[in-house]
Structure formats: C-alpha cells, structure tokens
N, C-alpha and C. Protein backbone atom coordinates (compact mmCIF):
# COMPACT_ATOMS: atom_id res chain seq x y z
N SER A 1 -106.04 26.79 146.39
CA SER A 1 -107.28 27.16 147.06
C SER A 1 -108.26 27.72 146.03
N VAL A 2 -109.48 27.97 146.48
CA VAL A 2 -110.52 28.50 145.60
C VAL A 2 -110.13 29.86 145.04
N TYR A 3 -109.59 30.71 145.87
CA TYR A 3 -109.25 32.07 145.44
C TYR A 3 -108.02 32.08 144.52
N SER A 4 -107.11 31.15 144.71
CA SER A 4 -105.96 31.05 143.81
C SER A 4 -106.43 30.69 142.40
N THR A 5 -107.35 29.73 142.32
CA THR A 5 -107.91 29.33 141.02
C THR A 5 -108.67 30.49 140.38
N ALA A 6 -109.47 31.19 141.20
CA ALA A 6 -110.24 32.32 140.67
C ALA A 6 -109.32 33.42 140.14
N ASN A 7 -108.25 33.71 140.85
CA ASN A 7 -107.30 34.74 140.41
C ASN A 7 -106.61 34.36 139.11
N SER A 8 -106.27 33.06 138.98
CA SER A 8 -105.62 32.60 137.77
C SER A 8 -106.55 32.72 136.56
N GLN A 9 -107.80 32.29 136.73
CA GLN A 9 -108.77 32.37 135.63
C GLN A 9 -109.08 33.82 135.26
N LEU A 10 -109.18 34.67 136.26
CA LEU A 10 -109.49 36.08 136.02
C LEU A 10 -108.36 36.75 135.25
N LYS A 11 -107.15 36.42 135.62
CA LYS A 11 -105.99 37.01 134.94
C LYS A 11 -105.97 36.62 133.47
N GLN A 12 -106.27 35.36 133.17
CA GLN A 12 -106.31 34.91 131.78
C GLN A 12 -107.43 35.60 131.00
N SER A 13 -108.59 35.75 131.64
CA SER A 13 -109.74 36.37 130.95
C SER A 13 -109.49 37.83 130.63
N LEU A 14 -108.78 38.53 131.51
CA LEU A 14 -108.59 39.97 131.34
C LEU A 14 -107.36 40.32 130.50
N ALA A 15 -106.59 39.31 130.10
CA ALA A 15 -105.38 39.58 129.31
C ALA A 15 -105.73 40.28 128.00
N GLN A 16 -106.88 39.96 127.41
CA GLN A 16 -107.28 40.56 126.13
C GLN A 16 -107.65 42.04 126.26
N TYR A 17 -107.84 42.50 127.53
CA TYR A 17 -108.20 43.91 127.73
C TYR A 17 -107.03 44.73 128.25
N ALA A 18 -105.83 44.18 128.20
CA ALA A 18 -104.65 44.87 128.72
C ALA A 18 -104.42 46.20 127.99
N ALA A 19 -104.74 46.24 126.70
CA ALA A 19 -104.54 47.46 125.92
C ALA A 19 -105.41 48.61 126.42
N TYR A 20 -106.48 48.26 127.14
CA TYR A 20 -107.37 49.29 127.68
C TYR A 20 -107.01 49.69 129.12
N GLY A 21 -105.90 49.15 129.59
CA GLY A 21 -105.46 49.47 130.95
C GLY A 21 -106.15 48.66 132.03
N VAL A 22 -106.75 47.55 131.64
CA VAL A 22 -107.44 46.69 132.60
C VAL A 22 -106.46 45.66 133.16
N THR A 23 -106.35 45.60 134.47
CA THR A 23 -105.50 44.61 135.13
C THR A 23 -106.33 43.80 136.12
N ALA A 24 -105.92 42.57 136.34
CA ALA A 24 -106.67 41.68 137.23
C ALA A 24 -106.28 41.95 138.69
N PRO A 25 -107.24 42.19 139.55
CA PRO A 25 -106.95 42.37 140.97
C PRO A 25 -106.69 41.02 141.64
N THR A 26 -106.10 41.04 142.81
CA THR A 26 -105.89 39.82 143.59
C THR A 26 -107.07 39.67 144.54
N LEU A 27 -107.85 38.63 144.32
CA LEU A 27 -109.07 38.43 145.10
C LEU A 27 -108.79 37.66 146.38
N THR A 28 -109.46 38.05 147.46
CA THR A 28 -109.41 37.34 148.74
C THR A 28 -110.83 37.19 149.26
N ALA A 29 -110.98 36.46 150.34
CA ALA A 29 -112.31 36.27 150.93
C ALA A 29 -112.90 37.59 151.41
N LYS A 30 -112.06 38.55 151.74
CA LYS A 30 -112.53 39.82 152.28
C LYS A 30 -112.83 40.86 151.20
N ASN A 31 -112.08 40.81 150.07
CA ASN A 31 -112.21 41.90 149.09
C ASN A 31 -112.83 41.50 147.76
N TYR A 32 -113.15 40.22 147.57
CA TYR A 32 -113.56 39.77 146.24
C TYR A 32 -114.78 40.54 145.72
N ALA A 33 -115.77 40.78 146.60
CA ALA A 33 -116.99 41.45 146.14
C ALA A 33 -116.69 42.89 145.70
N THR A 34 -115.92 43.61 146.50
CA THR A 34 -115.59 45.00 146.18
C THR A 34 -114.76 45.10 144.92
N GLU A 35 -113.75 44.25 144.79
CA GLU A 35 -112.85 44.29 143.64
C GLU A 35 -113.57 43.92 142.35
N LEU A 36 -114.42 42.94 142.40
CA LEU A 36 -115.15 42.53 141.18
C LEU A 36 -116.17 43.58 140.78
N ASP A 37 -116.78 44.23 141.75
CA ASP A 37 -117.71 45.33 141.42
C ASP A 37 -116.97 46.47 140.72
N LYS A 38 -115.77 46.78 141.20
CA LYS A 38 -114.95 47.82 140.57
C LYS A 38 -114.61 47.43 139.13
N LEU A 39 -114.28 46.16 138.94
CA LEU A 39 -113.91 45.67 137.62
C LEU A 39 -115.08 45.75 136.65
N VAL A 40 -116.26 45.38 137.11
CA VAL A 40 -117.46 45.46 136.27
C VAL A 40 -117.72 46.91 135.86
N LYS A 41 -117.56 47.82 136.80
CA LYS A 41 -117.78 49.24 136.52
C LYS A 41 -116.76 49.75 135.49
N GLN A 42 -115.51 49.33 135.64
CA GLN A 42 -114.45 49.76 134.71
C GLN A 42 -114.72 49.24 133.30
N LEU A 43 -115.04 47.97 133.17
CA LEU A 43 -115.28 47.38 131.86
C LEU A 43 -116.56 47.93 131.22
N SER A 44 -117.55 48.22 132.04
CA SER A 44 -118.80 48.78 131.51
C SER A 44 -118.57 50.14 130.88
N ALA A 45 -117.65 50.91 131.50
CA ALA A 45 -117.33 52.23 130.95
C ALA A 45 -116.52 52.09 129.67
N ILE A 46 -115.57 51.16 129.66
CA ILE A 46 -114.72 50.98 128.47
C ILE A 46 -115.53 50.48 127.29
N PHE A 47 -116.42 49.53 127.57
CA PHE A 47 -117.18 48.91 126.48
C PHE A 47 -118.63 49.39 126.45
N SER A 48 -118.81 50.66 126.69
CA SER A 48 -120.15 51.24 126.52
C SER A 48 -120.48 51.23 125.03
N GLU A 49 -121.75 51.38 124.70
CA GLU A 49 -122.16 51.36 123.29
C GLU A 49 -121.49 52.47 122.50
N GLU A 50 -121.31 53.61 123.13
CA GLU A 50 -120.66 54.74 122.45
C GLU A 50 -119.21 54.42 122.11
N ASN A 51 -118.50 53.82 123.07
CA ASN A 51 -117.09 53.49 122.82
C ASN A 51 -116.94 52.37 121.80
N ILE A 52 -117.84 51.40 121.85
CA ILE A 52 -117.78 50.30 120.88
C ILE A 52 -118.00 50.83 119.46
N THR A 53 -118.97 51.72 119.34
CA THR A 53 -119.25 52.31 118.03
C THR A 53 -118.05 53.10 117.51
N ALA A 54 -117.40 53.83 118.42
CA ALA A 54 -116.23 54.62 118.03
C ALA A 54 -115.09 53.71 117.58
N GLN A 55 -114.91 52.58 118.26
CA GLN A 55 -113.84 51.65 117.89
C GLN A 55 -114.10 51.02 116.52
N VAL A 56 -115.34 50.62 116.28
CA VAL A 56 -115.66 50.02 114.98
C VAL A 56 -115.51 51.07 113.87
N ARG A 57 -115.92 52.30 114.13
CA ARG A 57 -115.81 53.36 113.14
C ARG A 57 -114.34 53.64 112.80
N ALA A 58 -113.48 53.55 113.85
CA ALA A 58 -112.05 53.76 113.61
C ALA A 58 -111.52 52.68 112.67
N GLY A 59 -112.02 51.46 112.82
CA GLY A 59 -111.60 50.38 111.93
C GLY A 59 -112.08 50.58 110.52
N VAL A 60 -113.33 51.04 110.38
CA VAL A 60 -113.88 51.31 109.04
C VAL A 60 -113.12 52.45 108.37
N LEU A 61 -112.79 53.50 109.14
CA LEU A 61 -112.02 54.62 108.59
C LEU A 61 -110.67 54.15 108.06
N LYS A 62 -110.05 53.26 108.78
CA LYS A 62 -108.75 52.74 108.35
C LYS A 62 -108.89 52.03 107.01
N GLN A 63 -109.97 51.27 106.85
CA GLN A 63 -110.19 50.57 105.59
C GLN A 63 -110.45 51.55 104.43
N VAL A 64 -111.24 52.59 104.70
CA VAL A 64 -111.54 53.60 103.67
C VAL A 64 -110.25 54.33 103.26
N LEU A 65 -109.43 54.70 104.25
CA LEU A 65 -108.17 55.39 103.95
C LEU A 65 -107.24 54.51 103.12
N ALA A 66 -107.27 53.21 103.42
CA ALA A 66 -106.45 52.29 102.64
C ALA A 66 -106.95 52.22 101.20
N THR A 67 -108.27 52.32 101.03
CA THR A 67 -108.86 52.28 99.69
C THR A 67 -108.46 53.49 98.85
N VAL A 68 -108.45 54.68 99.50
CA VAL A 68 -108.11 55.90 98.75
C VAL A 68 -106.60 56.13 98.71
N GLY A 69 -105.86 55.31 99.45
CA GLY A 69 -104.41 55.39 99.37
C GLY A 69 -103.76 56.43 100.25
N ILE A 70 -104.34 56.77 101.38
CA ILE A 70 -103.69 57.71 102.31
C ILE A 70 -103.67 57.11 103.71
N ASP A 71 -102.77 57.65 104.56
CA ASP A 71 -102.69 57.16 105.93
C ASP A 71 -103.44 58.09 106.88
N GLN A 72 -103.40 57.75 108.14
CA GLN A 72 -104.13 58.52 109.15
C GLN A 72 -103.58 59.94 109.28
N ASN A 73 -102.28 60.10 109.22
CA ASN A 73 -101.67 61.43 109.37
C ASN A 73 -102.08 62.35 108.22
N THR A 74 -102.09 61.81 107.00
CA THR A 74 -102.50 62.60 105.84
C THR A 74 -103.97 63.00 105.97
N TYR A 75 -104.77 62.05 106.39
CA TYR A 75 -106.20 62.32 106.59
C TYR A 75 -106.40 63.46 107.58
N ASN A 76 -105.64 63.45 108.66
CA ASN A 76 -105.79 64.48 109.69
C ASN A 76 -105.46 65.88 109.15
N ASN A 77 -104.60 65.96 108.13
CA ASN A 77 -104.17 67.25 107.57
C ASN A 77 -104.91 67.64 106.29
N LEU A 78 -105.90 66.87 105.93
CA LEU A 78 -106.68 67.19 104.73
C LEU A 78 -107.52 68.43 104.95
N PRO A 79 -107.82 69.13 103.87
CA PRO A 79 -108.76 70.25 103.96
C PRO A 79 -110.11 69.74 104.44
N ALA A 80 -110.88 70.57 105.05
CA ALA A 80 -112.15 70.18 105.64
C ALA A 80 -113.07 69.52 104.63
N ALA A 81 -113.11 70.05 103.42
CA ALA A 81 -114.01 69.50 102.42
C ALA A 81 -113.63 68.07 102.07
N ASN A 82 -112.32 67.84 101.85
CA ASN A 82 -111.85 66.49 101.52
C ASN A 82 -112.09 65.52 102.68
N LYS A 83 -111.83 66.01 103.88
CA LYS A 83 -112.05 65.15 105.07
C LYS A 83 -113.54 64.81 105.21
N ALA A 84 -114.40 65.77 104.94
CA ALA A 84 -115.83 65.55 105.04
C ALA A 84 -116.29 64.48 104.05
N ALA A 85 -115.68 64.48 102.88
CA ALA A 85 -116.05 63.48 101.86
C ALA A 85 -115.69 62.08 102.34
N ILE A 86 -114.50 61.96 102.94
CA ILE A 86 -114.09 60.64 103.46
C ILE A 86 -114.99 60.23 104.62
N ASP A 87 -115.34 61.16 105.49
CA ASP A 87 -116.23 60.86 106.63
C ASP A 87 -117.58 60.35 106.16
N ALA A 88 -118.05 60.92 105.04
CA ALA A 88 -119.33 60.47 104.50
C ALA A 88 -119.24 59.01 104.07
N GLN A 89 -118.11 58.64 103.46
CA GLN A 89 -117.92 57.25 103.05
C GLN A 89 -117.90 56.32 104.28
N VAL A 90 -117.26 56.80 105.35
CA VAL A 90 -117.19 55.99 106.58
C VAL A 90 -118.59 55.80 107.17
N THR A 91 -119.38 56.89 107.20
CA THR A 91 -120.73 56.80 107.75
C THR A 91 -121.59 55.83 106.95
N ALA A 92 -121.43 55.86 105.64
CA ALA A 92 -122.19 54.94 104.79
C ALA A 92 -121.75 53.50 105.05
N ALA A 93 -120.43 53.31 105.22
CA ALA A 93 -119.91 51.96 105.47
C ALA A 93 -120.38 51.42 106.82
N MET A 94 -120.58 52.31 107.80
CA MET A 94 -121.03 51.87 109.13
C MET A 94 -122.42 51.25 109.09
N GLN A 95 -123.20 51.59 108.05
CA GLN A 95 -124.54 51.03 107.91
C GLN A 95 -124.52 49.70 107.17
N GLY A 96 -123.34 49.34 106.66
CA GLY A 96 -123.22 48.10 105.91
C GLY A 96 -123.24 46.88 106.82
N ALA A 97 -123.41 45.72 106.19
CA ALA A 97 -123.52 44.47 106.94
C ALA A 97 -122.26 44.14 107.70
N GLU A 98 -121.08 44.42 107.09
CA GLU A 98 -119.82 44.08 107.74
C GLU A 98 -119.63 44.89 109.03
N ALA A 99 -119.86 46.20 108.95
CA ALA A 99 -119.70 47.05 110.13
C ALA A 99 -120.73 46.69 111.21
N GLN A 100 -121.95 46.42 110.80
CA GLN A 100 -122.98 46.06 111.76
C GLN A 100 -122.65 44.74 112.47
N ALA A 101 -122.08 43.80 111.69
CA ALA A 101 -121.66 42.53 112.29
C ALA A 101 -120.55 42.75 113.32
N GLN A 102 -119.62 43.68 112.99
CA GLN A 102 -118.54 44.00 113.93
C GLN A 102 -119.10 44.63 115.21
N LEU A 103 -120.07 45.53 115.06
CA LEU A 103 -120.70 46.15 116.22
C LEU A 103 -121.38 45.10 117.11
N LYS A 104 -122.11 44.19 116.47
CA LYS A 104 -122.81 43.16 117.22
C LYS A 104 -121.83 42.25 117.96
N ALA A 105 -120.77 41.86 117.26
CA ALA A 105 -119.78 40.97 117.87
C ALA A 105 -119.07 41.65 119.04
N ALA A 106 -118.75 42.92 118.87
CA ALA A 106 -118.07 43.66 119.93
C ALA A 106 -118.96 43.79 121.17
N LYS A 107 -120.24 44.07 120.95
CA LYS A 107 -121.18 44.19 122.07
C LYS A 107 -121.35 42.85 122.78
N GLU A 108 -121.46 41.78 121.99
CA GLU A 108 -121.61 40.45 122.59
C GLU A 108 -120.37 40.05 123.38
N GLN A 109 -119.20 40.40 122.84
CA GLN A 109 -117.95 40.09 123.53
C GLN A 109 -117.87 40.85 124.86
N ALA A 110 -118.26 42.12 124.83
CA ALA A 110 -118.24 42.93 126.06
C ALA A 110 -119.23 42.37 127.09
N ALA A 111 -120.43 41.98 126.63
CA ALA A 111 -121.43 41.43 127.54
C ALA A 111 -120.96 40.10 128.14
N ALA A 112 -120.30 39.29 127.30
CA ALA A 112 -119.79 38.00 127.78
C ALA A 112 -118.70 38.22 128.83
N GLY A 113 -117.83 39.19 128.60
CA GLY A 113 -116.78 39.48 129.57
C GLY A 113 -117.34 39.93 130.90
N LEU A 114 -118.35 40.78 130.85
CA LEU A 114 -118.99 41.24 132.08
C LEU A 114 -119.71 40.10 132.79
N LYS A 115 -120.33 39.21 132.02
CA LYS A 115 -121.04 38.07 132.61
C LYS A 115 -120.07 37.14 133.32
N GLN A 116 -118.89 36.95 132.73
CA GLN A 116 -117.89 36.09 133.38
C GLN A 116 -117.53 36.63 134.76
N ILE A 117 -117.42 37.93 134.84
CA ILE A 117 -117.04 38.53 136.12
C ILE A 117 -118.18 38.43 137.13
N THR A 118 -119.41 38.72 136.69
CA THR A 118 -120.55 38.63 137.61
C THR A 118 -120.79 37.17 138.04
N ASP A 119 -120.56 36.23 137.11
CA ASP A 119 -120.70 34.81 137.46
C ASP A 119 -119.63 34.41 138.48
N LEU A 120 -118.43 34.91 138.28
CA LEU A 120 -117.35 34.61 139.22
C LEU A 120 -117.69 35.13 140.61
N LYS A 121 -118.24 36.33 140.66
CA LYS A 121 -118.63 36.91 141.95
C LYS A 121 -119.70 36.04 142.62
N ALA A 122 -120.69 35.59 141.83
CA ALA A 122 -121.75 34.75 142.39
C ALA A 122 -121.20 33.43 142.92
N GLN A 123 -120.24 32.83 142.18
CA GLN A 123 -119.62 31.59 142.63
C GLN A 123 -118.85 31.78 143.93
N LEU A 124 -118.11 32.88 144.00
CA LEU A 124 -117.33 33.15 145.22
C LEU A 124 -118.25 33.45 146.40
N GLU A 125 -119.41 34.05 146.13
CA GLU A 125 -120.37 34.30 147.21
C GLU A 125 -120.89 32.97 147.76
N LYS A 126 -121.13 32.01 146.87
CA LYS A 126 -121.58 30.69 147.32
C LYS A 126 -120.50 30.02 148.16
N VAL A 127 -119.25 30.13 147.70
CA VAL A 127 -118.13 29.54 148.44
C VAL A 127 -118.02 30.20 149.82
N HIS A 128 -118.16 31.52 149.83
CA HIS A 128 -118.05 32.26 151.09
C HIS A 128 -119.15 31.82 152.07
N LYS A 129 -120.38 31.69 151.58
CA LYS A 129 -121.49 31.27 152.43
C LYS A 129 -121.28 29.83 152.91
N TYR A 130 -120.76 28.98 152.01
CA TYR A 130 -120.51 27.59 152.39
C TYR A 130 -119.46 27.52 153.50
N GLN A 131 -118.37 28.27 153.32
CA GLN A 131 -117.31 28.26 154.33
C GLN A 131 -117.82 28.82 155.65
N ALA A 132 -118.66 29.87 155.58
CA ALA A 132 -119.24 30.43 156.81
C ALA A 132 -120.12 29.40 157.50
N GLY A 133 -120.88 28.63 156.69
CA GLY A 133 -121.72 27.59 157.27
C GLY A 133 -120.90 26.49 157.92
N VAL A 134 -119.80 26.11 157.27
CA VAL A 134 -118.91 25.08 157.84
C VAL A 134 -118.32 25.57 159.16
N ASN A 135 -117.89 26.83 159.17
CA ASN A 135 -117.31 27.41 160.39
C ASN A 135 -118.35 27.44 161.52
N ASN A 136 -119.58 27.83 161.17
CA ASN A 136 -120.63 27.86 162.19
C ASN A 136 -120.93 26.46 162.71
N TYR A 137 -120.92 25.48 161.78
CA TYR A 137 -121.17 24.10 162.18
C TYR A 137 -120.06 23.60 163.10
N THR A 138 -118.80 23.90 162.71
CA THR A 138 -117.66 23.48 163.52
C THR A 138 -117.71 24.10 164.91
N ASN A 139 -118.03 25.40 164.95
CA ASN A 139 -118.13 26.08 166.24
C ASN A 139 -119.28 25.50 167.06
N GLY A 140 -120.38 25.15 166.38
CA GLY A 140 -121.51 24.55 167.08
C GLY A 140 -121.17 23.20 167.67
N VAL A 141 -120.42 22.38 166.91
CA VAL A 141 -120.00 21.07 167.41
C VAL A 141 -119.09 21.24 168.62
N ALA A 142 -118.17 22.21 168.53
CA ALA A 142 -117.25 22.46 169.65
C ALA A 142 -118.03 22.89 170.89
N SER A 143 -119.05 23.76 170.69
CA SER A 143 -119.85 24.21 171.82
C SER A 143 -120.64 23.05 172.43
N ALA A 144 -121.17 22.18 171.55
CA ALA A 144 -121.92 21.02 172.03
C ALA A 144 -121.02 20.09 172.83
N ALA A 145 -119.78 19.89 172.34
CA ALA A 145 -118.83 19.03 173.05
C ALA A 145 -118.50 19.62 174.41
N SER A 146 -118.31 20.93 174.44
CA SER A 146 -118.02 21.61 175.71
C SER A 146 -119.20 21.48 176.67
N GLY A 147 -120.42 21.63 176.12
CA GLY A 147 -121.61 21.49 176.95
C GLY A 147 -121.75 20.08 177.50
N ALA A 148 -121.41 19.08 176.67
CA ALA A 148 -121.49 17.69 177.12
C ALA A 148 -120.51 17.43 178.26
N THR A 149 -119.31 18.01 178.15
CA THR A 149 -118.31 17.86 179.21
C THR A 149 -118.80 18.47 180.51
N GLU A 150 -119.40 19.68 180.39
CA GLU A 150 -119.93 20.33 181.59
C GLU A 150 -121.07 19.53 182.20
N LEU A 151 -121.92 18.95 181.34
CA LEU A 151 -123.02 18.13 181.82
C LEU A 151 -122.49 16.90 182.55
N LYS A 152 -121.44 16.29 182.01
CA LYS A 152 -120.84 15.12 182.64
C LYS A 152 -120.28 15.48 184.01
N ALA A 153 -119.60 16.65 184.05
CA ALA A 153 -119.03 17.09 185.33
C ALA A 153 -120.15 17.37 186.34
N GLY A 154 -121.23 18.00 185.88
CA GLY A 154 -122.35 18.29 186.76
C GLY A 154 -123.02 17.02 187.26
N THR A 155 -123.11 15.99 186.39
CA THR A 155 -123.69 14.72 186.80
C THR A 155 -122.84 14.05 187.87
N ALA A 156 -121.50 14.14 187.71
CA ALA A 156 -120.60 13.56 188.71
C ALA A 156 -120.77 14.26 190.05
N GLU A 157 -120.90 15.59 190.02
CA GLU A 157 -121.10 16.33 191.27
C GLU A 157 -122.42 15.95 191.93
N LEU A 158 -123.46 15.79 191.11
CA LEU A 158 -124.76 15.38 191.65
C LEU A 158 -124.67 14.00 192.27
N TYR A 159 -123.97 13.07 191.61
CA TYR A 159 -123.80 11.71 192.14
C TYR A 159 -123.05 11.73 193.45
N ASN A 160 -121.98 12.55 193.52
CA ASN A 160 -121.21 12.67 194.76
C ASN A 160 -122.07 13.24 195.87
N GLY A 161 -122.93 14.20 195.52
CA GLY A 161 -123.83 14.78 196.52
C GLY A 161 -124.81 13.75 197.05
N ILE A 162 -125.29 12.89 196.14
CA ILE A 162 -126.22 11.84 196.57
C ILE A 162 -125.53 10.86 197.52
N LEU A 163 -124.26 10.51 197.20
CA LEU A 163 -123.50 9.62 198.08
C LEU A 163 -123.30 10.24 199.45
N THR A 164 -122.99 11.54 199.46
CA THR A 164 -122.80 12.23 200.74
C THR A 164 -124.08 12.21 201.56
N LEU A 165 -125.20 12.47 200.90
CA LEU A 165 -126.48 12.42 201.59
C LEU A 165 -126.78 11.01 202.09
N LYS A 166 -126.45 10.01 201.27
CA LYS A 166 -126.69 8.62 201.65
C LYS A 166 -125.83 8.24 202.84
N ASN A 167 -124.55 8.65 202.83
CA ASN A 167 -123.64 8.34 203.93
C ASN A 167 -124.04 9.05 205.20
N GLY A 168 -124.63 10.22 205.06
CA GLY A 168 -125.06 10.97 206.25
C GLY A 168 -126.38 10.50 206.81
N ALA A 169 -127.12 9.71 206.04
CA ALA A 169 -128.43 9.25 206.49
C ALA A 169 -128.37 8.39 207.75
N PRO A 170 -127.43 7.39 207.88
CA PRO A 170 -127.35 6.60 209.13
C PRO A 170 -127.10 7.47 210.35
N ALA A 171 -126.20 8.47 210.20
CA ALA A 171 -125.93 9.36 211.32
C ALA A 171 -127.17 10.14 211.70
N LEU A 172 -127.95 10.54 210.72
CA LEU A 172 -129.20 11.24 211.00
C LEU A 172 -130.18 10.33 211.73
N VAL A 173 -130.27 9.07 211.28
CA VAL A 173 -131.16 8.11 211.94
C VAL A 173 -130.73 7.87 213.38
N ASN A 174 -129.39 7.71 213.57
CA ASN A 174 -128.88 7.51 214.93
C ASN A 174 -129.17 8.71 215.82
N GLY A 175 -129.03 9.90 215.22
CA GLY A 175 -129.30 11.11 216.00
C GLY A 175 -130.76 11.19 216.40
N VAL A 176 -131.65 10.84 215.49
CA VAL A 176 -133.07 10.85 215.82
C VAL A 176 -133.38 9.84 216.90
N THR A 177 -132.74 8.64 216.81
CA THR A 177 -132.95 7.59 217.82
C THR A 177 -132.49 8.07 219.19
N GLU A 178 -131.29 8.69 219.22
CA GLU A 178 -130.78 9.21 220.50
C GLU A 178 -131.69 10.31 221.05
N LEU A 179 -132.17 11.17 220.18
CA LEU A 179 -133.08 12.22 220.62
C LEU A 179 -134.36 11.62 221.20
N LYS A 180 -134.87 10.59 220.54
CA LYS A 180 -136.08 9.92 221.03
C LYS A 180 -135.83 9.27 222.37
N SER A 181 -134.67 8.61 222.52
CA SER A 181 -134.31 7.96 223.79
C SER A 181 -134.17 8.98 224.90
N GLY A 182 -133.52 10.10 224.57
CA GLY A 182 -133.36 11.16 225.57
C GLY A 182 -134.69 11.74 225.97
N SER A 183 -135.60 11.85 225.02
CA SER A 183 -136.93 12.37 225.33
C SER A 183 -137.66 11.45 226.30
N LEU A 184 -137.50 10.14 226.07
CA LEU A 184 -138.14 9.18 226.97
C LEU A 184 -137.58 9.29 228.39
N LYS A 185 -136.25 9.41 228.48
CA LYS A 185 -135.62 9.56 229.79
C LYS A 185 -136.11 10.83 230.47
N LEU A 186 -136.20 11.89 229.74
CA LEU A 186 -136.67 13.15 230.31
C LEU A 186 -138.10 13.02 230.78
N SER A 187 -138.94 12.33 230.00
CA SER A 187 -140.33 12.13 230.38
C SER A 187 -140.44 11.32 231.65
N THR A 188 -139.61 10.28 231.79
CA THR A 188 -139.62 9.45 233.01
C THR A 188 -139.19 10.26 234.22
N GLY A 189 -138.15 11.07 234.03
CA GLY A 189 -137.67 11.91 235.14
C GLY A 189 -138.72 12.90 235.58
N ILE A 190 -139.43 13.47 234.62
CA ILE A 190 -140.48 14.43 234.97
C ILE A 190 -141.59 13.74 235.76
N LYS A 191 -141.97 12.54 235.34
CA LYS A 191 -143.01 11.79 236.06
C LYS A 191 -142.58 11.49 237.49
N GLN A 192 -141.32 11.07 237.68
CA GLN A 192 -140.81 10.78 239.02
C GLN A 192 -140.82 12.04 239.89
N PHE A 193 -140.40 13.15 239.26
CA PHE A 193 -140.38 14.42 240.00
C PHE A 193 -141.80 14.82 240.42
N ASN A 194 -142.76 14.67 239.53
CA ASN A 194 -144.15 15.01 239.85
C ASN A 194 -144.70 14.12 240.96
N ALA A 195 -144.36 12.81 240.93
CA ALA A 195 -144.84 11.88 241.96
C ALA A 195 -144.30 12.27 243.32
N ARG A 196 -143.02 12.64 243.40
CA ARG A 196 -142.45 13.05 244.68
C ARG A 196 -143.11 14.32 245.19
N ALA A 197 -143.33 15.26 244.22
CA ALA A 197 -143.94 16.53 244.63
C ALA A 197 -145.34 16.30 245.19
N LYS A 198 -146.12 15.44 244.58
CA LYS A 198 -147.47 15.14 245.05
C LYS A 198 -147.43 14.50 246.42
N ALA A 199 -146.52 13.54 246.62
CA ALA A 199 -146.40 12.87 247.92
C ALA A 199 -146.04 13.86 249.01
N LYS A 200 -145.18 14.78 248.69
CA LYS A 200 -144.76 15.79 249.68
C LYS A 200 -145.92 16.70 250.05
N ARG A 201 -146.74 17.09 249.05
CA ARG A 201 -147.88 17.96 249.32
C ARG A 201 -148.91 17.24 250.19
N ARG A 202 -149.15 15.93 249.91
CA ARG A 202 -150.10 15.16 250.71
C ARG A 202 -149.65 15.06 252.17
N ARG A 203 -148.34 14.86 252.38
CA ARG A 203 -147.84 14.75 253.74
C ARG A 203 -147.99 16.07 254.47
N LYS A 204 -147.75 17.16 253.77
CA LYS A 204 -147.92 18.46 254.42
C LYS A 204 -149.37 18.69 254.83
N ARG A 205 -150.33 18.28 253.99
CA ARG A 205 -151.72 18.45 254.33
C ARG A 205 -152.11 17.62 255.55
N ARG A 206 -151.58 16.39 255.65
CA ARG A 206 -151.88 15.54 256.79
C ARG A 206 -151.31 16.12 258.08
N LEU A 207 -150.11 16.67 257.99
CA LEU A 207 -149.47 17.26 259.16
C LEU A 207 -150.24 18.46 259.66
N GLY A 208 -150.92 19.12 258.79
CA GLY A 208 -151.65 20.32 259.21
C GLY A 208 -153.02 20.01 259.80
N ARG A 209 -153.49 18.77 259.79
CA ARG A 209 -154.80 18.42 260.34
C ARG A 209 -154.73 18.37 261.88
N PRO A 210 -155.84 18.74 262.63
CA PRO A 210 -155.87 18.66 264.10
C PRO A 210 -155.86 17.21 264.56
N GLY A 211 -155.07 16.95 265.59
CA GLY A 211 -154.99 15.61 266.17
C GLY A 211 -154.08 14.68 265.44
N TYR A 212 -153.37 15.23 264.35
CA TYR A 212 -152.44 14.34 263.60
C TYR A 212 -151.18 14.20 264.42
N PRO A 213 -150.75 12.96 264.72
CA PRO A 213 -149.56 12.77 265.56
C PRO A 213 -148.31 13.32 264.87
N LEU A 214 -147.54 14.10 265.69
CA LEU A 214 -146.27 14.62 265.20
C LEU A 214 -145.15 13.74 265.68
N LYS A 215 -144.11 13.69 264.96
CA LYS A 215 -142.97 12.87 265.28
C LYS A 215 -142.30 13.40 266.56
N GLY A 216 -142.09 12.51 267.55
CA GLY A 216 -141.40 12.88 268.81
C GLY A 216 -142.32 13.45 269.83
N ARG A 217 -143.65 13.56 269.58
CA ARG A 217 -144.61 14.11 270.54
C ARG A 217 -145.73 13.11 270.76
N GLY A 218 -146.42 13.32 271.92
CA GLY A 218 -147.53 12.45 272.21
C GLY A 218 -148.74 12.83 271.42
N ARG A 219 -149.75 12.06 271.53
CA ARG A 219 -151.00 12.31 270.83
C ARG A 219 -151.66 13.51 271.45
N CYS A 220 -152.30 14.35 270.67
CA CYS A 220 -153.03 15.52 271.15
C CYS A 220 -154.46 15.10 271.50
N PHE A 221 -155.00 15.70 272.66
CA PHE A 221 -156.39 15.44 273.07
C PHE A 221 -157.20 16.68 272.85
C-alpha cells in the first residue's frame, strides 16, 4: 500500500540519524500528519545551526589534538592556559575553507533531510485527498443508484394507480348513467303526481259550484 512504501522509505532515510536517537514512526492515514510534524520538529532541533557548528568544531578539535599528539582525555585535563592555546587554534581553523565547507555541507544535508520529510507529508496529503474524493464519488454513485431504484418503484406505483383509475372509469360512467336514468324516472313520476293533483283540484272546484250535479242525486233547481 501507499503507507507501507512511505514507511519503508522513511526508515531508510532516517537510518543515518540513528546516532542522534531519531527513529522512524509508523505512518497511517490517521496519524501521518502529526507524526511527520513531530519528526520535523525533532530534526530541526538536532540540526540547528548552533548544533551543527558544535559538531564541526568537535571534528576540528580532534584534528588539532591529533596534530599536537594528545587525545581528548588529556586535553580535558590540561591546565587552562594550555587548553586556551589549543582552543585558539581550533577557532582559527573554523574560519578556514575546510571547516566552512563542512559547515555548509552539514547545513545542506540537514535541510535536505527536512525537505524529504515535508515532501513526504505533502505527497501523503495528496493521496489522502484523492482517497477521500474516491470515497465520496463511490458513496455518491451508491446514493444515485438507490435514488434510481426508488424512482423506478415510484413510477411503478404511479402506473398501477393509473391502471386502477382506468379500470374504475367504466364503473363511474355506468354509475353516472344509472343516476341520470333514475333522475329521469323521478322527473316522470313527479310530473304524473302533479297532473293527478291538478285534476283532483279541478274536480273539487266543479263540485263546489251551485247547480253542479252530484252523484246519486237529482239536478238542483
């Protein structure tokens, strides 16, 4: 995987700093940014300009001691005046081309090491964003597929509803026809009832007139 490769490369790059107590962390998608930031901070402290200068000076002192024929332990126990004389030689040598070249190389090496780590972090950030984009795309496709299924189901329900309405339409037409027929029958019955009522009223009026012959009786004079 990407992180396995990154861990392998990081371990190889940091092997040269093992003497300084630097160890390679195990990077994951969740901790890579934090761990690499810690590593940059650690290496920046180890390879500060002050520490680099001290390391180069220690190397120059070793060369001067070798020239005068004494070791580090003897130097440490020298009288102050003798030690000061050797220190003066070291300070003068630090201004020389060889020491300055060592300082420049050490600083460049430290900067290159830090750049490798910051570059690695940037690459992993790109990978992380890419993977997040792929996940979002995959989730979006899944949501779209789910939405399409729901749309298909809704379309089927709508079609079934249309069929139900279509099948119910003849019954509705028949019901309207029957209602219309019943209305006609009711209208005819009402007309017949009104005609009988009018005929009955006319007969009553005739019966009430003077001289109108009554059934079973003679004519009135």
